[in-house]
């Protein structure tokens, strides 16, 4: 499980991105790059990272299922993910 401080930091970044989204869009449309540079660093959506909903892991993230590969494998083997079956031949 990821440390709580990392998860809280991600939440804070998401709030900041949402807060400045409209203003960023306006500044981009005008081409005011100086104004964009004056916004907080965390206002940029590229600063966000995808995290596993179950474990909080950042790496090996599967977007379709919103979880890391290890959590996905665990839950798929247990039959907890609808429509996913373990292949065997």
N, C-alpha and C. Protein backbone atom coordinates (compact mmCIF):
# COMPACT_ATOMS: atom_id res chain seq x y z
N UNK A 1 0.84 -1.18 0.00
CA UNK A 1 0.00 0.00 0.00
C UNK A 1 0.89 1.25 0.00
N UNK A 2 0.51 2.23 -0.79
CA UNK A 2 1.26 3.48 -0.85
C UNK A 2 1.09 4.25 0.45
N UNK A 3 2.09 5.06 0.78
CA UNK A 3 1.99 5.86 1.99
C UNK A 3 0.82 6.84 1.86
N UNK A 4 0.21 7.12 2.97
CA UNK A 4 -0.94 8.01 2.98
C UNK A 4 -0.58 9.40 2.49
N UNK A 5 0.65 9.86 2.80
CA UNK A 5 1.04 11.20 2.39
C UNK A 5 1.10 11.32 0.86
N UNK A 6 1.50 10.24 0.17
CA UNK A 6 1.53 10.27 -1.29
C UNK A 6 0.13 10.34 -1.86
N UNK A 7 -0.78 9.57 -1.27
CA UNK A 7 -2.16 9.57 -1.75
C UNK A 7 -2.81 10.94 -1.51
N UNK A 8 -2.54 11.54 -0.36
CA UNK A 8 -3.09 12.86 -0.06
C UNK A 8 -2.52 13.92 -1.00
N UNK A 9 -1.24 13.79 -1.33
CA UNK A 9 -0.62 14.73 -2.27
C UNK A 9 -1.29 14.64 -3.64
N UNK A 10 -1.60 13.42 -4.07
CA UNK A 10 -2.28 13.25 -5.36
C UNK A 10 -3.67 13.89 -5.33
N UNK A 11 -4.38 13.73 -4.22
CA UNK A 11 -5.70 14.35 -4.10
C UNK A 11 -5.60 15.87 -4.19
N UNK A 12 -4.59 16.42 -3.50
CA UNK A 12 -4.38 17.86 -3.52
C UNK A 12 -4.07 18.35 -4.94
N UNK A 13 -3.25 17.57 -5.66
CA UNK A 13 -2.93 17.95 -7.04
C UNK A 13 -4.17 17.92 -7.92
N UNK A 14 -5.01 16.91 -7.75
CA UNK A 14 -6.24 16.82 -8.54
C UNK A 14 -7.15 18.02 -8.30
N UNK A 15 -7.26 18.44 -7.03
CA UNK A 15 -8.06 19.61 -6.70
C UNK A 15 -7.51 20.86 -7.39
N UNK A 16 -6.19 21.02 -7.37
CA UNK A 16 -5.55 22.18 -7.98
C UNK A 16 -5.78 22.20 -9.48
N UNK A 17 -5.67 21.03 -10.11
CA UNK A 17 -5.90 20.95 -11.56
C UNK A 17 -7.33 21.35 -11.89
N UNK A 18 -8.29 20.85 -11.12
CA UNK A 18 -9.70 21.19 -11.36
C UNK A 18 -9.95 22.68 -11.14
N UNK A 19 -9.32 23.24 -10.12
CA UNK A 19 -9.51 24.64 -9.79
C UNK A 19 -9.06 25.57 -10.92
N UNK A 20 -7.92 25.24 -11.54
CA UNK A 20 -7.35 26.12 -12.56
C UNK A 20 -7.64 25.68 -13.99
N UNK A 21 -8.45 24.66 -14.18
CA UNK A 21 -8.69 24.12 -15.54
C UNK A 21 -9.29 25.17 -16.48
N UNK A 22 -10.30 25.87 -16.00
CA UNK A 22 -10.97 26.87 -16.84
C UNK A 22 -10.02 28.02 -17.20
N UNK A 23 -9.30 28.50 -16.21
CA UNK A 23 -8.36 29.61 -16.42
C UNK A 23 -7.25 29.18 -17.38
N UNK A 24 -6.75 27.96 -17.22
CA UNK A 24 -5.70 27.45 -18.12
C UNK A 24 -6.20 27.40 -19.56
N UNK A 25 -7.43 26.94 -19.74
CA UNK A 25 -8.00 26.85 -21.09
C UNK A 25 -8.11 28.23 -21.73
N UNK A 26 -8.54 29.22 -20.95
CA UNK A 26 -8.64 30.59 -21.47
C UNK A 26 -7.28 31.14 -21.86
N UNK A 27 -6.30 30.96 -20.98
CA UNK A 27 -4.96 31.47 -21.26
C UNK A 27 -4.34 30.79 -22.47
N UNK A 28 -4.59 29.49 -22.62
CA UNK A 28 -4.06 28.77 -23.78
C UNK A 28 -4.71 29.27 -25.07
N UNK A 29 -6.03 29.52 -25.01
CA UNK A 29 -6.75 30.00 -26.19
C UNK A 29 -6.23 31.37 -26.63
N UNK A 30 -5.91 32.22 -25.66
CA UNK A 30 -5.36 33.54 -25.98
C UNK A 30 -3.91 33.48 -26.40
N UNK A 31 -3.22 32.42 -26.02
CA UNK A 31 -1.79 32.31 -26.31
C UNK A 31 -0.94 33.05 -25.29
N UNK A 32 -1.50 33.28 -24.11
CA UNK A 32 -0.79 34.00 -23.05
C UNK A 32 0.06 33.03 -22.25
N UNK A 33 1.25 32.77 -22.74
CA UNK A 33 2.12 31.78 -22.10
C UNK A 33 2.80 32.35 -20.84
N UNK A 34 2.90 33.66 -20.76
CA UNK A 34 3.45 34.27 -19.55
C UNK A 34 2.45 34.07 -18.40
N UNK A 35 1.18 34.27 -18.70
CA UNK A 35 0.14 34.04 -17.69
C UNK A 35 0.09 32.59 -17.25
N UNK A 36 0.29 31.69 -18.20
CA UNK A 36 0.31 30.26 -17.86
C UNK A 36 1.47 29.94 -16.93
N UNK A 37 2.60 30.56 -17.18
CA UNK A 37 3.78 30.27 -16.36
C UNK A 37 3.64 30.82 -14.94
N UNK A 38 2.73 31.77 -14.74
CA UNK A 38 2.53 32.33 -13.41
C UNK A 38 1.59 31.48 -12.55
N UNK A 39 0.89 30.54 -13.17
CA UNK A 39 0.01 29.65 -12.41
C UNK A 39 0.85 28.68 -11.59
N UNK A 40 0.26 28.08 -10.55
CA UNK A 40 1.01 27.10 -9.77
C UNK A 40 1.46 25.92 -10.62
N UNK A 41 2.58 25.34 -10.27
CA UNK A 41 3.14 24.22 -11.02
C UNK A 41 2.17 23.03 -11.06
N UNK A 42 1.51 22.78 -9.95
CA UNK A 42 0.60 21.64 -9.87
C UNK A 42 -0.73 21.87 -10.59
N UNK A 43 -0.92 23.03 -11.20
CA UNK A 43 -2.15 23.30 -11.94
C UNK A 43 -2.14 22.60 -13.30
N UNK A 44 -1.00 22.09 -13.71
CA UNK A 44 -0.90 21.40 -14.99
C UNK A 44 -1.35 19.94 -14.85
N UNK A 45 -2.22 19.46 -15.74
CA UNK A 45 -2.69 18.08 -15.64
C UNK A 45 -1.60 17.04 -15.88
N UNK A 46 -0.49 17.43 -16.46
CA UNK A 46 0.58 16.46 -16.68
C UNK A 46 1.28 16.09 -15.38
N UNK A 47 1.04 16.83 -14.33
CA UNK A 47 1.66 16.53 -13.04
C UNK A 47 0.93 15.40 -12.31
N UNK A 48 -0.24 15.03 -12.78
CA UNK A 48 -1.01 13.95 -12.15
C UNK A 48 -0.46 12.59 -12.57
N UNK A 49 -0.54 11.63 -11.68
CA UNK A 49 -0.14 10.27 -12.01
C UNK A 49 -1.31 9.34 -11.75
N UNK A 50 -1.38 8.29 -12.55
CA UNK A 50 -2.41 7.28 -12.34
C UNK A 50 -1.98 6.38 -11.21
N UNK A 51 -2.89 6.08 -10.31
CA UNK A 51 -2.60 5.20 -9.19
C UNK A 51 -3.65 4.10 -9.10
N UNK A 52 -3.20 2.94 -8.66
CA UNK A 52 -4.09 1.80 -8.46
C UNK A 52 -5.14 2.16 -7.42
N UNK A 53 -6.41 1.85 -7.71
CA UNK A 53 -7.48 2.17 -6.76
C UNK A 53 -7.41 1.30 -5.52
N UNK A 54 -6.80 0.12 -5.64
CA UNK A 54 -6.76 -0.81 -4.52
C UNK A 54 -5.52 -0.60 -3.67
N UNK A 55 -4.35 -0.62 -4.31
CA UNK A 55 -3.10 -0.58 -3.55
C UNK A 55 -2.41 0.79 -3.55
N UNK A 56 -2.76 1.67 -4.48
CA UNK A 56 -2.12 2.98 -4.55
C UNK A 56 -0.82 2.97 -5.34
N UNK A 57 -0.47 1.85 -5.95
CA UNK A 57 0.78 1.74 -6.70
C UNK A 57 0.71 2.57 -7.98
N UNK A 58 1.84 3.22 -8.34
CA UNK A 58 1.89 4.06 -9.54
C UNK A 58 2.32 3.28 -10.77
N UNK A 59 3.27 2.37 -10.58
CA UNK A 59 3.87 1.70 -11.72
C UNK A 59 3.02 0.52 -12.18
N UNK A 60 3.17 0.15 -13.45
CA UNK A 60 2.45 -0.97 -14.06
C UNK A 60 0.95 -0.80 -13.90
N UNK A 61 0.44 0.37 -14.29
CA UNK A 61 -0.97 0.72 -14.16
C UNK A 61 -1.73 0.30 -15.40
N UNK A 62 -2.85 -0.40 -15.23
CA UNK A 62 -3.71 -0.79 -16.35
C UNK A 62 -4.91 0.15 -16.35
N UNK A 63 -4.98 1.03 -17.35
CA UNK A 63 -6.02 2.07 -17.37
C UNK A 63 -7.43 1.50 -17.41
N UNK A 64 -7.63 0.48 -18.19
CA UNK A 64 -8.97 -0.06 -18.38
C UNK A 64 -9.60 -0.53 -17.06
N UNK A 65 -8.77 -1.04 -16.17
CA UNK A 65 -9.27 -1.56 -14.90
C UNK A 65 -8.92 -0.67 -13.71
N UNK A 66 -8.18 0.42 -13.94
CA UNK A 66 -7.79 1.36 -12.89
C UNK A 66 -7.03 0.68 -11.75
N UNK A 67 -6.17 -0.29 -12.09
CA UNK A 67 -5.39 -0.95 -11.04
C UNK A 67 -4.05 -1.41 -11.59
N UNK A 68 -3.16 -1.75 -10.67
CA UNK A 68 -1.83 -2.19 -11.06
C UNK A 68 -1.88 -3.64 -11.53
N UNK A 69 -0.84 -4.06 -12.19
CA UNK A 69 -0.81 -5.41 -12.76
C UNK A 69 -0.90 -6.48 -11.69
N UNK A 70 -0.27 -6.25 -10.54
CA UNK A 70 -0.28 -7.26 -9.48
C UNK A 70 -1.66 -7.41 -8.86
N UNK A 71 -2.32 -6.29 -8.61
CA UNK A 71 -3.67 -6.33 -8.07
C UNK A 71 -4.61 -6.95 -9.08
N UNK A 72 -4.42 -6.59 -10.36
CA UNK A 72 -5.27 -7.15 -11.42
C UNK A 72 -5.14 -8.66 -11.47
N UNK A 73 -3.92 -9.15 -11.41
CA UNK A 73 -3.70 -10.59 -11.49
C UNK A 73 -4.33 -11.31 -10.30
N UNK A 74 -4.15 -10.74 -9.12
CA UNK A 74 -4.74 -11.33 -7.91
C UNK A 74 -6.25 -11.44 -8.03
N UNK A 75 -6.89 -10.32 -8.37
CA UNK A 75 -8.35 -10.30 -8.44
C UNK A 75 -8.88 -11.13 -9.61
N UNK A 76 -8.16 -11.15 -10.72
CA UNK A 76 -8.59 -11.95 -11.87
C UNK A 76 -8.50 -13.44 -11.55
N UNK A 77 -7.48 -13.84 -10.84
CA UNK A 77 -7.33 -15.26 -10.47
C UNK A 77 -8.43 -15.70 -9.51
N UNK A 78 -8.89 -14.78 -8.69
CA UNK A 78 -9.96 -15.09 -7.75
C UNK A 78 -11.35 -15.00 -8.39
N UNK A 79 -11.40 -14.49 -9.64
CA UNK A 79 -12.67 -14.35 -10.34
C UNK A 79 -13.46 -13.13 -9.88
N UNK A 80 -12.78 -12.13 -9.35
CA UNK A 80 -13.45 -10.95 -8.81
C UNK A 80 -13.71 -9.87 -9.87
N UNK A 81 -13.09 -10.00 -11.05
CA UNK A 81 -13.28 -9.01 -12.10
C UNK A 81 -14.20 -9.61 -13.16
N UNK A 82 -15.38 -9.03 -13.36
CA UNK A 82 -16.33 -9.58 -14.33
C UNK A 82 -15.78 -9.54 -15.75
N UNK A 83 -15.96 -10.62 -16.48
CA UNK A 83 -15.54 -10.69 -17.87
C UNK A 83 -14.10 -11.07 -18.08
N UNK A 84 -13.33 -11.26 -17.03
CA UNK A 84 -11.92 -11.61 -17.15
C UNK A 84 -11.75 -13.04 -16.63
N UNK A 85 -11.18 -13.88 -17.50
CA UNK A 85 -10.92 -15.27 -17.08
C UNK A 85 -9.47 -15.60 -17.34
N UNK A 86 -8.96 -16.49 -16.56
CA UNK A 86 -7.57 -16.93 -16.74
C UNK A 86 -7.53 -17.86 -17.94
N UNK A 87 -6.63 -17.58 -18.84
CA UNK A 87 -6.56 -18.42 -20.04
C UNK A 87 -5.78 -19.68 -19.72
N UNK A 88 -6.18 -20.75 -20.35
CA UNK A 88 -5.44 -22.02 -20.20
C UNK A 88 -5.54 -22.79 -21.51
N UNK A 89 -4.47 -23.43 -21.88
CA UNK A 89 -4.46 -24.22 -23.11
C UNK A 89 -3.59 -25.42 -22.97
